[in-house]
Amino acid sequence: MNKLLDQADMSSLVGTHYIQRFEIQKIFEADNRPSCRVNISLKDKCEGAEAGILVQFNRVVDLVVGDMNGLEACLINIENIASWGLEDTRFRVSDEETNQFSFKCADYRIEKAPQQATDSLP
């Protein structure tokens, strides 16, 4: 079972992490409106069996994905942009270290993943 962390507990995302999985999902909201979800699985080390962090970003817009072929660690920045007045968009998310991705989203959730969830891909 994953442990849900509070958005205020940003200490989970402080520092650099290695992306183990970057998943983009097209989904339909409750009102049948199409939307996009980004799930990122992170680990502190590029190898090893330690548990990782799962971050789910909902209602993603302006998604830009760059080169993800290398083993560079990323530094995720989540900035609250609610004051900008954009409809259904409250956060700007980007990889400050290597510019592998950037997007805006309505909300997100952070989970501490069990070891087996980050050890292998399905």
N, C-alpha and C. Protein backbone atom coordinates (compact mmCIF):
# COMPACT_ATOMS: atom_id res chain seq x y z
N MET A 1 0.84 -1.18 0.00
CA MET A 1 0.00 0.00 0.00
C MET A 1 0.88 1.25 0.00
N ASN A 2 0.55 2.20 -0.85
CA ASN A 2 1.29 3.45 -0.91
C ASN A 2 0.86 4.37 0.22
N LYS A 3 1.78 5.14 0.73
CA LYS A 3 1.49 6.11 1.79
C LYS A 3 1.33 7.48 1.15
N LEU A 4 0.13 8.05 1.27
CA LEU A 4 -0.15 9.36 0.71
C LEU A 4 0.51 10.43 1.57
N LEU A 5 1.24 11.31 0.95
CA LEU A 5 1.90 12.41 1.65
C LEU A 5 1.15 13.70 1.35
N ASP A 6 1.16 14.61 2.28
CA ASP A 6 0.50 15.89 2.11
C ASP A 6 1.31 16.76 1.14
N GLN A 7 0.60 17.61 0.36
CA GLN A 7 1.30 18.50 -0.57
C GLN A 7 2.24 19.43 0.18
N ALA A 8 1.92 19.72 1.42
CA ALA A 8 2.79 20.59 2.21
C ALA A 8 4.09 19.89 2.57
N ASP A 9 4.11 18.56 2.48
CA ASP A 9 5.32 17.78 2.79
C ASP A 9 6.21 17.72 1.55
N MET A 10 6.69 18.87 1.13
CA MET A 10 7.53 18.94 -0.07
C MET A 10 8.93 18.40 0.18
N SER A 11 9.23 18.05 1.44
CA SER A 11 10.56 17.52 1.72
C SER A 11 10.82 16.24 0.94
N SER A 12 9.77 15.54 0.53
CA SER A 12 9.93 14.34 -0.28
C SER A 12 10.52 14.66 -1.64
N LEU A 13 10.26 15.85 -2.14
CA LEU A 13 10.76 16.22 -3.46
C LEU A 13 11.97 17.12 -3.41
N VAL A 14 12.45 17.44 -2.22
CA VAL A 14 13.63 18.29 -2.10
C VAL A 14 14.85 17.48 -2.52
N GLY A 15 15.68 18.07 -3.35
CA GLY A 15 16.88 17.39 -3.82
C GLY A 15 16.66 16.74 -5.18
N THR A 16 17.68 16.13 -5.66
CA THR A 16 17.61 15.51 -6.98
C THR A 16 17.16 14.06 -6.87
N HIS A 17 16.45 13.62 -7.89
CA HIS A 17 15.94 12.26 -7.97
C HIS A 17 16.12 11.74 -9.40
N TYR A 18 16.11 10.44 -9.53
CA TYR A 18 16.19 9.82 -10.84
C TYR A 18 14.80 9.38 -11.26
N ILE A 19 14.43 9.68 -12.49
CA ILE A 19 13.13 9.27 -13.00
C ILE A 19 13.20 7.81 -13.40
N GLN A 20 12.37 7.01 -12.77
CA GLN A 20 12.30 5.60 -13.15
C GLN A 20 11.18 5.40 -14.17
N ARG A 21 10.10 6.13 -14.01
CA ARG A 21 8.98 6.01 -14.94
C ARG A 21 8.35 7.38 -15.12
N PHE A 22 8.04 7.72 -16.37
CA PHE A 22 7.34 8.96 -16.69
C PHE A 22 6.19 8.55 -17.59
N GLU A 23 4.98 8.63 -17.07
CA GLU A 23 3.82 8.09 -17.76
C GLU A 23 2.80 9.19 -18.02
N ILE A 24 2.33 9.26 -19.26
CA ILE A 24 1.31 10.22 -19.65
C ILE A 24 0.04 9.44 -19.94
N GLN A 25 -1.06 9.82 -19.29
CA GLN A 25 -2.33 9.15 -19.49
C GLN A 25 -3.37 10.14 -20.00
N LYS A 26 -4.13 9.74 -21.01
CA LYS A 26 -5.30 10.49 -21.44
C LYS A 26 -6.47 9.91 -20.69
N ILE A 27 -7.24 10.75 -20.03
CA ILE A 27 -8.38 10.28 -19.25
C ILE A 27 -9.59 11.17 -19.53
N PHE A 28 -10.76 10.70 -19.10
CA PHE A 28 -11.97 11.51 -19.18
C PHE A 28 -12.41 11.84 -17.77
N GLU A 29 -12.63 13.12 -17.53
CA GLU A 29 -13.09 13.58 -16.22
C GLU A 29 -14.54 13.15 -16.01
N ALA A 30 -15.07 13.38 -14.82
CA ALA A 30 -16.44 13.00 -14.49
C ALA A 30 -17.46 13.64 -15.43
N ASP A 31 -17.15 14.83 -15.95
CA ASP A 31 -18.07 15.51 -16.87
C ASP A 31 -17.79 15.18 -18.33
N ASN A 32 -17.07 14.06 -18.58
CA ASN A 32 -16.70 13.58 -19.92
C ASN A 32 -15.75 14.51 -20.66
N ARG A 33 -15.11 15.41 -19.94
CA ARG A 33 -14.12 16.30 -20.54
C ARG A 33 -12.78 15.57 -20.61
N PRO A 34 -12.13 15.54 -21.79
CA PRO A 34 -10.82 14.87 -21.87
C PRO A 34 -9.77 15.62 -21.07
N SER A 35 -8.86 14.87 -20.51
CA SER A 35 -7.83 15.46 -19.68
C SER A 35 -6.55 14.63 -19.81
N CYS A 36 -5.50 15.13 -19.22
CA CYS A 36 -4.21 14.44 -19.26
C CYS A 36 -3.69 14.33 -17.82
N ARG A 37 -3.11 13.18 -17.51
CA ARG A 37 -2.52 12.94 -16.19
C ARG A 37 -1.07 12.50 -16.42
N VAL A 38 -0.17 13.01 -15.60
CA VAL A 38 1.24 12.60 -15.66
C VAL A 38 1.60 11.94 -14.33
N ASN A 39 2.12 10.73 -14.41
CA ASN A 39 2.59 9.99 -13.24
C ASN A 39 4.11 9.86 -13.35
N ILE A 40 4.81 10.27 -12.31
CA ILE A 40 6.27 10.18 -12.31
C ILE A 40 6.70 9.35 -11.11
N SER A 41 7.50 8.32 -11.38
CA SER A 41 8.06 7.48 -10.34
C SER A 41 9.52 7.88 -10.18
N LEU A 42 9.90 8.28 -8.96
CA LEU A 42 11.24 8.80 -8.68
C LEU A 42 11.96 7.93 -7.66
N LYS A 43 13.28 7.88 -7.78
CA LYS A 43 14.13 7.20 -6.79
C LYS A 43 15.31 8.10 -6.47
N ASP A 44 15.85 7.94 -5.26
CA ASP A 44 17.01 8.74 -4.86
C ASP A 44 18.28 8.30 -5.56
N LYS A 45 18.36 7.01 -5.87
CA LYS A 45 19.53 6.46 -6.56
C LYS A 45 19.08 5.87 -7.88
N CYS A 46 19.98 5.85 -8.82
CA CYS A 46 19.63 5.30 -10.12
C CYS A 46 19.52 3.78 -10.07
N GLU A 47 20.19 3.14 -9.13
CA GLU A 47 20.09 1.69 -8.95
C GLU A 47 19.75 1.40 -7.51
N GLY A 48 19.31 0.20 -7.24
CA GLY A 48 19.01 -0.19 -5.87
C GLY A 48 17.55 -0.49 -5.67
N ALA A 49 17.23 -1.01 -4.51
CA ALA A 49 15.88 -1.48 -4.24
C ALA A 49 15.14 -0.61 -3.23
N GLU A 50 15.67 0.57 -2.92
CA GLU A 50 14.98 1.39 -1.94
C GLU A 50 13.63 1.86 -2.49
N ALA A 51 12.72 2.15 -1.59
CA ALA A 51 11.41 2.63 -1.99
C ALA A 51 11.55 4.00 -2.66
N GLY A 52 10.63 4.31 -3.51
CA GLY A 52 10.68 5.58 -4.22
C GLY A 52 9.49 6.46 -3.90
N ILE A 53 9.31 7.45 -4.73
CA ILE A 53 8.22 8.40 -4.59
C ILE A 53 7.40 8.36 -5.88
N LEU A 54 6.10 8.33 -5.74
CA LEU A 54 5.20 8.42 -6.88
C LEU A 54 4.50 9.76 -6.81
N VAL A 55 4.53 10.51 -7.91
CA VAL A 55 3.85 11.80 -7.95
C VAL A 55 2.86 11.77 -9.10
N GLN A 56 1.60 12.10 -8.81
CA GLN A 56 0.55 12.11 -9.82
C GLN A 56 0.09 13.55 -10.01
N PHE A 57 0.17 14.03 -11.25
CA PHE A 57 -0.26 15.38 -11.59
C PHE A 57 -1.53 15.27 -12.42
N ASN A 58 -2.58 16.01 -12.02
CA ASN A 58 -3.88 15.91 -12.66
C ASN A 58 -4.22 17.15 -13.47
N ARG A 59 -5.00 16.92 -14.54
CA ARG A 59 -5.44 17.97 -15.46
C ARG A 59 -4.24 18.78 -15.95
N VAL A 60 -3.33 18.09 -16.60
CA VAL A 60 -2.08 18.66 -17.09
C VAL A 60 -2.32 19.38 -18.42
N VAL A 61 -1.73 20.56 -18.55
CA VAL A 61 -1.76 21.33 -19.79
C VAL A 61 -0.36 21.84 -20.10
N ASP A 62 -0.14 22.26 -21.33
CA ASP A 62 1.14 22.82 -21.77
C ASP A 62 2.31 21.88 -21.50
N LEU A 63 2.10 20.60 -21.74
CA LEU A 63 3.12 19.58 -21.48
C LEU A 63 4.23 19.64 -22.54
N VAL A 64 5.47 19.76 -22.07
CA VAL A 64 6.64 19.73 -22.94
C VAL A 64 7.58 18.67 -22.37
N VAL A 65 7.93 17.69 -23.20
CA VAL A 65 8.84 16.62 -22.78
C VAL A 65 10.08 16.68 -23.64
N GLY A 66 11.24 16.74 -22.99
CA GLY A 66 12.51 16.80 -23.70
C GLY A 66 13.18 15.44 -23.75
N ASP A 67 14.46 15.44 -23.94
CA ASP A 67 15.25 14.21 -24.04
C ASP A 67 15.36 13.54 -22.66
N MET A 68 14.89 12.31 -22.57
CA MET A 68 14.94 11.57 -21.32
C MET A 68 15.82 10.34 -21.43
N ASN A 69 16.70 10.31 -22.39
CA ASN A 69 17.53 9.13 -22.63
C ASN A 69 18.66 8.96 -21.63
N GLY A 70 19.14 10.02 -21.05
CA GLY A 70 20.29 9.93 -20.15
C GLY A 70 19.90 9.50 -18.74
N LEU A 71 20.89 9.35 -17.89
CA LEU A 71 20.67 8.99 -16.50
C LEU A 71 20.84 10.19 -15.57
N GLU A 72 20.61 11.39 -16.09
CA GLU A 72 20.77 12.58 -15.28
C GLU A 72 19.67 12.65 -14.22
N ALA A 73 20.04 13.12 -13.05
CA ALA A 73 19.06 13.32 -11.99
C ALA A 73 18.29 14.60 -12.28
N CYS A 74 17.02 14.58 -11.88
CA CYS A 74 16.19 15.77 -12.09
C CYS A 74 15.93 16.46 -10.76
N LEU A 75 15.62 17.71 -10.83
CA LEU A 75 15.27 18.51 -9.66
C LEU A 75 13.90 19.12 -9.96
N ILE A 76 12.85 18.55 -9.36
CA ILE A 76 11.49 18.97 -9.67
C ILE A 76 11.14 20.22 -8.88
N ASN A 77 10.63 21.22 -9.60
CA ASN A 77 10.16 22.45 -8.98
C ASN A 77 8.65 22.52 -9.20
N ILE A 78 7.89 22.67 -8.11
CA ILE A 78 6.44 22.83 -8.19
C ILE A 78 6.12 24.22 -7.65
N GLU A 79 5.66 25.08 -8.53
CA GLU A 79 5.40 26.48 -8.18
C GLU A 79 3.90 26.73 -8.17
N ASN A 80 3.38 27.33 -7.11
CA ASN A 80 1.96 27.68 -7.03
C ASN A 80 1.71 28.92 -7.88
N ILE A 81 0.89 28.76 -8.92
CA ILE A 81 0.57 29.88 -9.82
C ILE A 81 -0.93 30.21 -9.78
N ALA A 82 -1.60 29.84 -8.71
CA ALA A 82 -3.04 30.08 -8.59
C ALA A 82 -3.38 31.56 -8.77
N SER A 83 -2.49 32.44 -8.34
CA SER A 83 -2.73 33.88 -8.44
C SER A 83 -2.73 34.39 -9.89
N TRP A 84 -2.27 33.56 -10.83
CA TRP A 84 -2.25 33.98 -12.23
C TRP A 84 -3.66 34.05 -12.82
N GLY A 85 -4.62 33.38 -12.19
CA GLY A 85 -6.00 33.43 -12.67
C GLY A 85 -6.30 32.51 -13.84
N LEU A 86 -5.46 31.51 -14.08
CA LEU A 86 -5.72 30.57 -15.16
C LEU A 86 -6.78 29.57 -14.71
N GLU A 87 -7.76 29.33 -15.57
CA GLU A 87 -8.84 28.42 -15.21
C GLU A 87 -8.34 27.00 -15.01
N ASP A 88 -8.64 26.43 -13.87
CA ASP A 88 -8.33 25.03 -13.56
C ASP A 88 -6.83 24.71 -13.61
N THR A 89 -5.99 25.71 -13.38
CA THR A 89 -4.53 25.51 -13.39
C THR A 89 -3.96 26.22 -12.17
N ARG A 90 -3.34 25.44 -11.27
CA ARG A 90 -2.84 26.03 -10.03
C ARG A 90 -1.33 25.88 -9.83
N PHE A 91 -0.69 24.97 -10.58
CA PHE A 91 0.74 24.72 -10.37
C PHE A 91 1.50 24.67 -11.69
N ARG A 92 2.74 25.16 -11.65
CA ARG A 92 3.67 25.00 -12.77
C ARG A 92 4.75 24.06 -12.28
N VAL A 93 5.01 23.02 -13.07
CA VAL A 93 5.95 21.97 -12.70
C VAL A 93 7.05 21.91 -13.75
N SER A 94 8.30 21.83 -13.28
CA SER A 94 9.40 21.72 -14.24
C SER A 94 10.59 21.02 -13.61
N ASP A 95 11.42 20.48 -14.46
CA ASP A 95 12.69 19.88 -14.05
C ASP A 95 13.73 20.99 -14.16
N GLU A 96 14.14 21.51 -13.03
CA GLU A 96 15.07 22.64 -13.01
C GLU A 96 16.51 22.24 -13.34
N GLU A 97 16.83 20.97 -13.20
CA GLU A 97 18.21 20.52 -13.38
C GLU A 97 18.56 20.27 -14.84
N THR A 98 17.73 19.48 -15.54
CA THR A 98 18.09 19.06 -16.91
C THR A 98 17.03 19.39 -17.95
N ASN A 99 15.97 20.10 -17.56
CA ASN A 99 14.91 20.51 -18.49
C ASN A 99 14.31 19.33 -19.26
N GLN A 100 14.09 18.20 -18.56
CA GLN A 100 13.50 17.04 -19.23
C GLN A 100 12.01 17.21 -19.47
N PHE A 101 11.33 18.03 -18.65
CA PHE A 101 9.89 18.21 -18.81
C PHE A 101 9.45 19.51 -18.15
N SER A 102 8.28 19.99 -18.56
CA SER A 102 7.61 21.10 -17.91
C SER A 102 6.13 21.03 -18.28
N PHE A 103 5.28 21.51 -17.38
CA PHE A 103 3.85 21.55 -17.63
C PHE A 103 3.17 22.34 -16.52
N LYS A 104 1.88 22.57 -16.70
CA LYS A 104 1.04 23.17 -15.67
C LYS A 104 -0.03 22.15 -15.32
N CYS A 105 -0.56 22.22 -14.08
CA CYS A 105 -1.58 21.25 -13.68
C CYS A 105 -2.53 21.86 -12.65
N ALA A 106 -3.65 21.17 -12.45
CA ALA A 106 -4.66 21.63 -11.49
C ALA A 106 -4.30 21.20 -10.08
N ASP A 107 -3.81 19.97 -9.91
CA ASP A 107 -3.42 19.50 -8.59
C ASP A 107 -2.47 18.32 -8.72
N TYR A 108 -1.96 17.88 -7.58
CA TYR A 108 -1.05 16.74 -7.58
C TYR A 108 -1.11 16.03 -6.25
N ARG A 109 -0.60 14.82 -6.23
CA ARG A 109 -0.49 14.06 -4.98
C ARG A 109 0.83 13.32 -4.98
N ILE A 110 1.40 13.20 -3.79
CA ILE A 110 2.70 12.55 -3.61
C ILE A 110 2.49 11.32 -2.74
N GLU A 111 3.04 10.19 -3.17
CA GLU A 111 2.94 8.97 -2.40
C GLU A 111 4.32 8.36 -2.20
N LYS A 112 4.55 7.82 -1.04
CA LYS A 112 5.75 7.03 -0.80
C LYS A 112 5.44 5.63 -1.30
N ALA A 113 6.21 5.17 -2.27
CA ALA A 113 5.93 3.88 -2.91
C ALA A 113 6.62 2.74 -2.17
N PRO A 114 5.98 1.58 -2.15
CA PRO A 114 6.67 0.40 -1.61
C PRO A 114 7.77 -0.01 -2.55
N GLN A 115 8.73 -0.78 -2.05
CA GLN A 115 9.87 -1.18 -2.87
C GLN A 115 9.48 -1.86 -4.17
N GLN A 116 8.56 -2.78 -4.14
CA GLN A 116 8.24 -3.54 -5.34
C GLN A 116 7.62 -2.65 -6.43
N ALA A 117 7.01 -1.53 -6.07
CA ALA A 117 6.38 -0.66 -7.07
C ALA A 117 7.41 0.05 -7.92
N THR A 118 8.62 0.23 -7.40
CA THR A 118 9.63 0.97 -8.16
C THR A 118 10.76 0.09 -8.66
N ASP A 119 10.74 -1.21 -8.30
CA ASP A 119 11.83 -2.09 -8.71
C ASP A 119 11.77 -2.54 -10.16
N SER A 120 10.57 -2.73 -10.67
CA SER A 120 10.47 -3.23 -12.05
C SER A 120 9.25 -2.65 -12.73
N LEU A 121 9.34 -2.54 -14.02
CA LEU A 121 8.22 -2.05 -14.82
C LEU A 121 7.32 -3.22 -15.17
N PRO A 122 6.01 -2.94 -15.32
CA PRO A 122 5.10 -4.03 -15.67
C PRO A 122 5.35 -4.57 -17.06
